[in-house]
N, C-alpha and C. Protein backbone atom coordinates (compact mmCIF):
# COMPACT_ATOMS: atom_id res chain seq x y z
N UNK A 1 -165.97 89.37 -206.90
CA UNK A 1 -166.72 88.56 -205.97
C UNK A 1 -166.34 87.09 -206.17
N UNK A 2 -166.25 86.36 -205.07
CA UNK A 2 -165.84 84.96 -205.12
C UNK A 2 -166.98 84.10 -205.66
N UNK A 3 -166.65 83.06 -206.38
CA UNK A 3 -167.70 82.17 -206.86
C UNK A 3 -168.36 81.42 -205.71
N UNK A 4 -169.63 81.21 -205.84
CA UNK A 4 -170.38 80.53 -204.78
C UNK A 4 -170.11 79.03 -204.84
N UNK A 5 -169.78 78.45 -203.68
CA UNK A 5 -169.45 77.03 -203.61
C UNK A 5 -170.66 76.24 -203.12
N UNK A 6 -170.72 75.02 -203.55
CA UNK A 6 -171.81 74.15 -203.07
C UNK A 6 -171.47 73.69 -201.66
N UNK A 7 -172.48 73.26 -200.89
CA UNK A 7 -172.23 72.81 -199.50
C UNK A 7 -171.25 71.63 -199.42
N UNK A 8 -171.26 70.74 -200.42
CA UNK A 8 -170.34 69.60 -200.36
C UNK A 8 -168.89 70.07 -200.50
N UNK A 9 -168.65 71.10 -201.28
CA UNK A 9 -167.29 71.63 -201.40
C UNK A 9 -166.87 72.32 -200.10
N UNK A 10 -167.81 72.95 -199.44
CA UNK A 10 -167.49 73.61 -198.17
C UNK A 10 -167.12 72.58 -197.11
N UNK A 11 -167.85 71.48 -197.06
CA UNK A 11 -167.55 70.44 -196.08
C UNK A 11 -166.19 69.81 -196.38
N UNK A 12 -165.85 69.68 -197.63
CA UNK A 12 -164.58 69.07 -198.01
C UNK A 12 -163.41 70.02 -197.86
N UNK A 13 -163.66 71.30 -197.63
CA UNK A 13 -162.58 72.28 -197.50
C UNK A 13 -161.88 72.07 -196.16
N UNK A 14 -160.60 71.79 -196.19
CA UNK A 14 -159.85 71.48 -194.97
C UNK A 14 -159.68 72.70 -194.08
N UNK A 15 -159.65 73.88 -194.66
CA UNK A 15 -159.46 75.08 -193.84
C UNK A 15 -160.71 75.44 -193.04
N UNK A 16 -161.84 74.89 -193.40
CA UNK A 16 -163.08 75.20 -192.69
C UNK A 16 -163.37 74.21 -191.58
N UNK A 17 -162.57 73.18 -191.46
CA UNK A 17 -162.81 72.15 -190.46
C UNK A 17 -162.22 72.59 -189.13
N UNK A 18 -163.01 72.48 -188.06
CA UNK A 18 -162.51 72.78 -186.72
C UNK A 18 -161.84 71.51 -186.21
N UNK A 19 -160.60 71.62 -185.86
CA UNK A 19 -159.86 70.44 -185.41
C UNK A 19 -160.02 70.28 -183.91
N UNK A 20 -160.85 69.35 -183.53
CA UNK A 20 -161.11 69.14 -182.11
C UNK A 20 -159.97 68.39 -181.43
N UNK A 21 -159.14 67.66 -182.22
CA UNK A 21 -158.05 66.92 -181.61
C UNK A 21 -157.01 67.86 -181.00
N UNK A 22 -156.81 69.03 -181.58
CA UNK A 22 -155.88 69.99 -181.01
C UNK A 22 -156.40 70.53 -179.68
N UNK A 23 -157.70 70.74 -179.61
CA UNK A 23 -158.28 71.19 -178.34
C UNK A 23 -158.19 70.10 -177.28
N UNK A 24 -158.36 68.86 -177.69
CA UNK A 24 -158.28 67.75 -176.73
C UNK A 24 -156.85 67.59 -176.21
N UNK A 25 -155.88 67.78 -177.07
CA UNK A 25 -154.48 67.71 -176.63
C UNK A 25 -154.18 68.82 -175.65
N UNK A 26 -154.65 70.03 -175.94
CA UNK A 26 -154.43 71.15 -175.03
C UNK A 26 -155.13 70.90 -173.70
N UNK A 27 -156.35 70.40 -173.73
CA UNK A 27 -157.07 70.09 -172.49
C UNK A 27 -156.33 69.02 -171.69
N UNK A 28 -155.83 68.00 -172.38
CA UNK A 28 -155.07 66.94 -171.70
C UNK A 28 -153.82 67.50 -171.03
N UNK A 29 -153.12 68.38 -171.72
CA UNK A 29 -151.90 68.96 -171.14
C UNK A 29 -152.21 69.84 -169.94
N UNK A 30 -153.29 70.59 -170.01
CA UNK A 30 -153.69 71.43 -168.87
C UNK A 30 -154.05 70.55 -167.67
N UNK A 31 -154.83 69.49 -167.91
CA UNK A 31 -155.19 68.59 -166.82
C UNK A 31 -153.97 67.88 -166.25
N UNK A 32 -153.04 67.52 -167.11
CA UNK A 32 -151.81 66.88 -166.65
C UNK A 32 -150.98 67.83 -165.79
N UNK A 33 -150.93 69.09 -166.18
CA UNK A 33 -150.19 70.09 -165.39
C UNK A 33 -150.85 70.31 -164.04
N UNK A 34 -152.17 70.33 -164.00
CA UNK A 34 -152.89 70.50 -162.72
C UNK A 34 -152.65 69.30 -161.82
N UNK A 35 -152.70 68.10 -162.39
CA UNK A 35 -152.47 66.89 -161.60
C UNK A 35 -151.03 66.85 -161.08
N UNK A 36 -150.07 67.22 -161.91
CA UNK A 36 -148.67 67.23 -161.48
C UNK A 36 -148.45 68.25 -160.36
N UNK A 37 -149.09 69.40 -160.46
CA UNK A 37 -148.97 70.41 -159.41
C UNK A 37 -149.58 69.92 -158.11
N UNK A 38 -150.74 69.26 -158.20
CA UNK A 38 -151.39 68.73 -156.99
C UNK A 38 -150.52 67.66 -156.33
N UNK A 39 -149.92 66.77 -157.10
CA UNK A 39 -149.05 65.74 -156.54
C UNK A 39 -147.81 66.37 -155.91
N UNK A 40 -147.25 67.37 -156.57
CA UNK A 40 -146.07 68.06 -156.02
C UNK A 40 -146.40 68.73 -154.69
N UNK A 41 -147.51 69.41 -154.61
CA UNK A 41 -147.91 70.09 -153.37
C UNK A 41 -148.18 69.06 -152.27
N UNK A 42 -148.86 67.97 -152.63
CA UNK A 42 -149.18 66.94 -151.64
C UNK A 42 -147.92 66.36 -151.02
N UNK A 43 -146.96 65.96 -151.87
CA UNK A 43 -145.75 65.36 -151.34
C UNK A 43 -144.84 66.37 -150.65
N UNK A 44 -144.89 67.61 -151.05
CA UNK A 44 -144.13 68.65 -150.35
C UNK A 44 -144.67 68.85 -148.94
N UNK A 45 -145.98 68.91 -148.83
CA UNK A 45 -146.59 69.07 -147.50
C UNK A 45 -146.33 67.84 -146.64
N UNK A 46 -146.41 66.64 -147.23
CA UNK A 46 -146.16 65.42 -146.48
C UNK A 46 -144.71 65.38 -145.99
N UNK A 47 -143.78 65.81 -146.83
CA UNK A 47 -142.37 65.84 -146.44
C UNK A 47 -142.14 66.86 -145.33
N UNK A 48 -142.74 68.01 -145.44
CA UNK A 48 -142.55 69.04 -144.41
C UNK A 48 -143.18 68.62 -143.09
N UNK A 49 -144.29 67.89 -143.14
CA UNK A 49 -144.92 67.41 -141.90
C UNK A 49 -144.07 66.33 -141.24
N UNK A 50 -143.30 65.58 -142.03
CA UNK A 50 -142.49 64.50 -141.48
C UNK A 50 -141.20 64.99 -140.86
N UNK A 51 -140.81 66.21 -141.12
CA UNK A 51 -139.58 66.75 -140.54
C UNK A 51 -139.74 66.92 -139.04
N UNK A 52 -138.66 66.77 -138.28
CA UNK A 52 -138.78 66.96 -136.83
C UNK A 52 -139.08 68.41 -136.49
N UNK A 53 -139.84 68.60 -135.42
CA UNK A 53 -140.22 69.94 -135.00
C UNK A 53 -139.01 70.63 -134.35
N UNK A 54 -138.87 71.88 -134.61
CA UNK A 54 -137.80 72.67 -134.01
C UNK A 54 -138.27 73.14 -132.64
N UNK A 55 -137.50 72.83 -131.60
CA UNK A 55 -137.94 73.28 -130.26
C UNK A 55 -137.86 74.82 -130.19
N UNK A 56 -138.81 75.41 -129.51
CA UNK A 56 -138.77 76.87 -129.39
C UNK A 56 -137.56 77.32 -128.57
N UNK A 57 -137.03 78.45 -128.94
CA UNK A 57 -135.88 78.96 -128.20
C UNK A 57 -136.32 79.51 -126.85
N UNK A 58 -135.37 79.57 -125.93
CA UNK A 58 -135.67 80.08 -124.58
C UNK A 58 -136.01 81.56 -124.68
N UNK A 59 -136.97 82.00 -123.91
CA UNK A 59 -137.32 83.43 -123.94
C UNK A 59 -136.17 84.29 -123.43
N UNK A 60 -136.01 85.45 -124.01
CA UNK A 60 -135.01 86.39 -123.56
C UNK A 60 -133.65 86.17 -124.24
N UNK A 61 -133.55 85.26 -125.16
CA UNK A 61 -132.25 85.04 -125.81
C UNK A 61 -132.26 85.76 -127.13
């Protein structure tokens, strides 16, 4: 059986600490990817809307 540790030793144990900075970096990267995708879609749609319209072909051809 493992020896019982005092609460101060548990708090000082680096393996027991939840690293919130890693979660924040992951959240930042996800938000950055969503923003980049939104900008890409926006400018793609704007570019496609700016293209000249193709006249419809004559019927029966």
